[in-house]
Amino acid sequence: MELFRSYCLPVILYAAEVMPLSKQSLKSLDLCIKQAVAKFFRTYDDSCINEIRRFCDLPDVGVMIERRRMKFVDRILDVEHLACLIYVR
């Protein structure tokens, strides 16, 4: 599961924080994660998959993208803040 989180999720979510995605696109990305979890744990029961995702901290794709978006914006603001400080001196 750690390999999935470190290698596959970044590919699935690449640049999603800067692009406006439709609900259908979010559903499609979420289905990729759901199917991966189902195959890893050999279960296709939705309630089991949801519990596994909750325990492994794999929330809905919309939530993951929003987290990434907030992190992206925070980094931009930090860089702009540092650039302003350097320019003022």
N, C-alpha and C. Protein backbone atom coordinates (compact mmCIF):
# COMPACT_ATOMS: atom_id res chain seq x y z
N MET A 1 0.82 -1.18 0.00
CA MET A 1 0.00 0.00 0.00
C MET A 1 0.88 1.26 0.00
N GLU A 2 2.01 1.17 0.67
CA GLU A 2 2.91 2.33 0.71
C GLU A 2 3.49 2.62 -0.68
N LEU A 3 3.76 1.58 -1.44
CA LEU A 3 4.23 1.78 -2.82
C LEU A 3 3.15 2.47 -3.66
N PHE A 4 1.92 2.05 -3.47
CA PHE A 4 0.81 2.68 -4.18
C PHE A 4 0.74 4.17 -3.84
N ARG A 5 0.85 4.47 -2.54
CA ARG A 5 0.76 5.87 -2.10
C ARG A 5 1.93 6.70 -2.62
N SER A 6 3.12 6.11 -2.70
CA SER A 6 4.29 6.90 -3.08
C SER A 6 4.54 6.94 -4.59
N TYR A 7 4.07 5.95 -5.34
CA TYR A 7 4.33 5.93 -6.78
C TYR A 7 3.07 6.14 -7.63
N CYS A 8 2.00 5.48 -7.30
CA CYS A 8 0.81 5.54 -8.15
C CYS A 8 -0.03 6.79 -7.91
N LEU A 9 -0.24 7.15 -6.65
CA LEU A 9 -1.06 8.32 -6.36
C LEU A 9 -0.50 9.60 -6.99
N PRO A 10 0.80 9.85 -6.92
CA PRO A 10 1.29 11.06 -7.59
C PRO A 10 1.02 11.06 -9.09
N VAL A 11 1.06 9.91 -9.73
CA VAL A 11 0.77 9.84 -11.16
C VAL A 11 -0.72 10.09 -11.40
N ILE A 12 -1.57 9.50 -10.58
CA ILE A 12 -3.01 9.68 -10.73
C ILE A 12 -3.40 11.13 -10.49
N LEU A 13 -2.77 11.77 -9.51
CA LEU A 13 -3.15 13.13 -9.12
C LEU A 13 -2.25 14.21 -9.72
N TYR A 14 -1.44 13.85 -10.69
CA TYR A 14 -0.48 14.80 -11.28
C TYR A 14 -1.20 16.05 -11.79
N ALA A 15 -0.81 17.20 -11.30
CA ALA A 15 -1.31 18.53 -11.70
C ALA A 15 -2.80 18.72 -11.46
N ALA A 16 -3.41 17.86 -10.68
CA ALA A 16 -4.85 17.99 -10.42
C ALA A 16 -5.16 19.21 -9.57
N GLU A 17 -4.19 19.68 -8.79
CA GLU A 17 -4.44 20.82 -7.92
C GLU A 17 -4.55 22.13 -8.68
N VAL A 18 -4.07 22.18 -9.92
CA VAL A 18 -4.13 23.43 -10.68
C VAL A 18 -5.16 23.39 -11.81
N MET A 19 -5.82 22.26 -11.97
CA MET A 19 -6.80 22.12 -13.05
C MET A 19 -8.20 22.00 -12.47
N PRO A 20 -9.16 22.67 -13.06
CA PRO A 20 -10.54 22.47 -12.62
C PRO A 20 -11.06 21.14 -13.18
N LEU A 21 -11.45 20.25 -12.31
CA LEU A 21 -11.92 18.94 -12.73
C LEU A 21 -13.43 18.83 -12.55
N SER A 22 -14.07 18.17 -13.48
CA SER A 22 -15.51 17.96 -13.39
C SER A 22 -15.80 16.85 -12.39
N LYS A 23 -17.06 16.74 -12.01
CA LYS A 23 -17.45 15.67 -11.09
C LYS A 23 -17.18 14.31 -11.71
N GLN A 24 -17.40 14.19 -13.01
CA GLN A 24 -17.15 12.93 -13.70
C GLN A 24 -15.67 12.57 -13.68
N SER A 25 -14.80 13.56 -13.84
CA SER A 25 -13.36 13.30 -13.78
C SER A 25 -12.94 12.85 -12.39
N LEU A 26 -13.51 13.49 -11.37
CA LEU A 26 -13.21 13.10 -9.99
C LEU A 26 -13.69 11.68 -9.72
N LYS A 27 -14.86 11.34 -10.22
CA LYS A 27 -15.38 9.97 -10.05
C LYS A 27 -14.47 8.96 -10.73
N SER A 28 -14.00 9.30 -11.90
CA SER A 28 -13.13 8.41 -12.65
C SER A 28 -11.82 8.16 -11.91
N LEU A 29 -11.22 9.22 -11.38
CA LEU A 29 -9.98 9.09 -10.61
C LEU A 29 -10.22 8.29 -9.33
N ASP A 30 -11.35 8.54 -8.69
CA ASP A 30 -11.67 7.83 -7.46
C ASP A 30 -11.88 6.34 -7.74
N LEU A 31 -12.46 6.03 -8.89
CA LEU A 31 -12.66 4.63 -9.27
C LEU A 31 -11.33 3.91 -9.44
N CYS A 32 -10.32 4.59 -9.97
CA CYS A 32 -8.98 3.99 -10.10
C CYS A 32 -8.45 3.58 -8.73
N ILE A 33 -8.59 4.45 -7.76
CA ILE A 33 -8.10 4.16 -6.41
C ILE A 33 -8.92 3.04 -5.79
N LYS A 34 -10.22 3.08 -5.97
CA LYS A 34 -11.10 2.04 -5.42
C LYS A 34 -10.76 0.67 -5.99
N GLN A 35 -10.51 0.60 -7.30
CA GLN A 35 -10.17 -0.67 -7.92
C GLN A 35 -8.80 -1.18 -7.45
N ALA A 36 -7.87 -0.27 -7.26
CA ALA A 36 -6.55 -0.68 -6.77
C ALA A 36 -6.66 -1.26 -5.36
N VAL A 37 -7.40 -0.59 -4.49
CA VAL A 37 -7.60 -1.09 -3.13
C VAL A 37 -8.30 -2.45 -3.17
N ALA A 38 -9.29 -2.59 -4.03
CA ALA A 38 -10.03 -3.85 -4.15
C ALA A 38 -9.09 -4.99 -4.56
N LYS A 39 -8.20 -4.72 -5.49
CA LYS A 39 -7.28 -5.76 -5.94
C LYS A 39 -6.22 -6.08 -4.88
N PHE A 40 -5.72 -5.06 -4.20
CA PHE A 40 -4.72 -5.30 -3.15
C PHE A 40 -5.26 -6.19 -2.06
N PHE A 41 -6.48 -5.94 -1.64
CA PHE A 41 -7.06 -6.64 -0.50
C PHE A 41 -8.03 -7.75 -0.91
N ARG A 42 -8.15 -7.97 -2.20
CA ARG A 42 -9.01 -9.04 -2.75
C ARG A 42 -10.42 -9.00 -2.18
N THR A 43 -11.01 -7.84 -2.24
CA THR A 43 -12.40 -7.68 -1.83
C THR A 43 -13.07 -6.70 -2.78
N TYR A 44 -14.33 -6.93 -3.04
CA TYR A 44 -15.08 -6.02 -3.90
C TYR A 44 -16.32 -5.51 -3.20
N ASP A 45 -16.35 -5.68 -1.87
CA ASP A 45 -17.45 -5.16 -1.07
C ASP A 45 -17.19 -3.68 -0.80
N ASP A 46 -18.14 -2.83 -1.18
CA ASP A 46 -17.94 -1.39 -1.05
C ASP A 46 -17.69 -0.95 0.39
N SER A 47 -18.38 -1.54 1.33
CA SER A 47 -18.18 -1.13 2.72
C SER A 47 -16.78 -1.51 3.21
N CYS A 48 -16.28 -2.67 2.80
CA CYS A 48 -14.91 -3.07 3.17
C CYS A 48 -13.89 -2.14 2.53
N ILE A 49 -14.10 -1.82 1.28
CA ILE A 49 -13.17 -0.93 0.58
C ILE A 49 -13.15 0.45 1.23
N ASN A 50 -14.31 0.95 1.60
CA ASN A 50 -14.38 2.25 2.26
C ASN A 50 -13.67 2.24 3.61
N GLU A 51 -13.82 1.16 4.36
CA GLU A 51 -13.13 1.05 5.65
C GLU A 51 -11.62 0.97 5.45
N ILE A 52 -11.19 0.20 4.48
CA ILE A 52 -9.75 0.08 4.19
C ILE A 52 -9.19 1.44 3.81
N ARG A 53 -9.92 2.16 2.96
CA ARG A 53 -9.46 3.49 2.55
C ARG A 53 -9.39 4.44 3.74
N ARG A 54 -10.34 4.32 4.63
CA ARG A 54 -10.33 5.18 5.82
C ARG A 54 -9.13 4.86 6.70
N PHE A 55 -8.85 3.58 6.92
CA PHE A 55 -7.72 3.19 7.76
C PHE A 55 -6.38 3.51 7.12
N CYS A 56 -6.31 3.48 5.80
CA CYS A 56 -5.06 3.77 5.08
C CYS A 56 -4.93 5.24 4.71
N ASP A 57 -5.84 6.07 5.17
CA ASP A 57 -5.86 7.50 4.86
C ASP A 57 -5.87 7.74 3.35
N LEU A 58 -6.83 7.10 2.68
CA LEU A 58 -7.07 7.32 1.26
C LEU A 58 -8.49 7.84 1.09
N PRO A 59 -8.71 9.11 1.41
CA PRO A 59 -10.07 9.65 1.31
C PRO A 59 -10.49 9.79 -0.15
N ASP A 60 -11.64 10.36 -0.34
CA ASP A 60 -12.15 10.64 -1.68
C ASP A 60 -11.14 11.49 -2.44
N VAL A 61 -11.08 11.30 -3.74
CA VAL A 61 -10.12 12.03 -4.57
C VAL A 61 -10.31 13.54 -4.44
N GLY A 62 -11.54 13.98 -4.33
CA GLY A 62 -11.79 15.42 -4.16
C GLY A 62 -11.11 15.99 -2.93
N VAL A 63 -11.12 15.21 -1.86
CA VAL A 63 -10.46 15.64 -0.62
C VAL A 63 -8.94 15.67 -0.80
N MET A 64 -8.40 14.64 -1.46
CA MET A 64 -6.95 14.61 -1.68
C MET A 64 -6.50 15.76 -2.57
N ILE A 65 -7.28 16.06 -3.60
CA ILE A 65 -6.93 17.16 -4.49
C ILE A 65 -7.02 18.49 -3.75
N GLU A 66 -8.02 18.65 -2.92
CA GLU A 66 -8.15 19.90 -2.15
C GLU A 66 -6.97 20.07 -1.20
N ARG A 67 -6.52 18.98 -0.58
CA ARG A 67 -5.33 19.05 0.28
C ARG A 67 -4.10 19.49 -0.52
N ARG A 68 -3.94 18.88 -1.70
CA ARG A 68 -2.81 19.24 -2.55
C ARG A 68 -2.90 20.69 -3.00
N ARG A 69 -4.13 21.15 -3.32
CA ARG A 69 -4.34 22.53 -3.75
C ARG A 69 -3.94 23.51 -2.64
N MET A 70 -4.35 23.20 -1.41
CA MET A 70 -4.01 24.07 -0.29
C MET A 70 -2.50 24.11 -0.07
N LYS A 71 -1.85 22.97 -0.18
CA LYS A 71 -0.40 22.90 -0.03
C LYS A 71 0.29 23.70 -1.15
N PHE A 72 -0.22 23.59 -2.37
CA PHE A 72 0.31 24.31 -3.52
C PHE A 72 0.20 25.82 -3.31
N VAL A 73 -0.97 26.28 -2.89
CA VAL A 73 -1.19 27.70 -2.66
C VAL A 73 -0.32 28.21 -1.51
N ASP A 74 -0.21 27.42 -0.45
CA ASP A 74 0.66 27.82 0.66
C ASP A 74 2.11 28.00 0.21
N ARG A 75 2.59 27.09 -0.63
CA ARG A 75 3.95 27.21 -1.13
C ARG A 75 4.13 28.46 -1.99
N ILE A 76 3.15 28.74 -2.82
CA ILE A 76 3.23 29.95 -3.66
C ILE A 76 3.25 31.19 -2.79
N LEU A 77 2.39 31.24 -1.79
CA LEU A 77 2.35 32.41 -0.91
C LEU A 77 3.64 32.56 -0.13
N ASP A 78 4.22 31.45 0.31
CA ASP A 78 5.49 31.52 1.03
C ASP A 78 6.60 32.05 0.13
N VAL A 79 6.65 31.60 -1.11
CA VAL A 79 7.67 32.05 -2.05
C VAL A 79 7.49 33.53 -2.35
N GLU A 80 6.24 33.95 -2.57
CA GLU A 80 5.99 35.37 -2.84
C GLU A 80 6.34 36.22 -1.63
N HIS A 81 6.05 35.72 -0.45
CA HIS A 81 6.38 36.45 0.78
C HIS A 81 7.89 36.61 0.90
N LEU A 82 8.63 35.54 0.65
CA LEU A 82 10.09 35.62 0.72
C LEU A 82 10.64 36.55 -0.35
N ALA A 83 10.06 36.51 -1.54
CA ALA A 83 10.52 37.39 -2.62
C ALA A 83 10.29 38.85 -2.24
N CYS A 84 9.18 39.14 -1.61
CA CYS A 84 8.90 40.53 -1.17
C CYS A 84 9.90 40.97 -0.12
N LEU A 85 10.23 40.09 0.80
CA LEU A 85 11.19 40.43 1.85
C LEU A 85 12.57 40.69 1.27
N ILE A 86 12.97 39.89 0.31
CA ILE A 86 14.28 40.06 -0.32
C ILE A 86 14.30 41.36 -1.12
N TYR A 87 13.23 41.65 -1.82
CA TYR A 87 13.16 42.86 -2.65
C TYR A 87 13.17 44.12 -1.80
N VAL A 88 12.54 44.07 -0.63
CA VAL A 88 12.47 45.24 0.25
C VAL A 88 13.85 45.58 0.79
N ARG A 89 14.65 44.62 1.07
CA ARG A 89 15.98 44.84 1.65
C ARG A 89 16.84 45.41 0.60
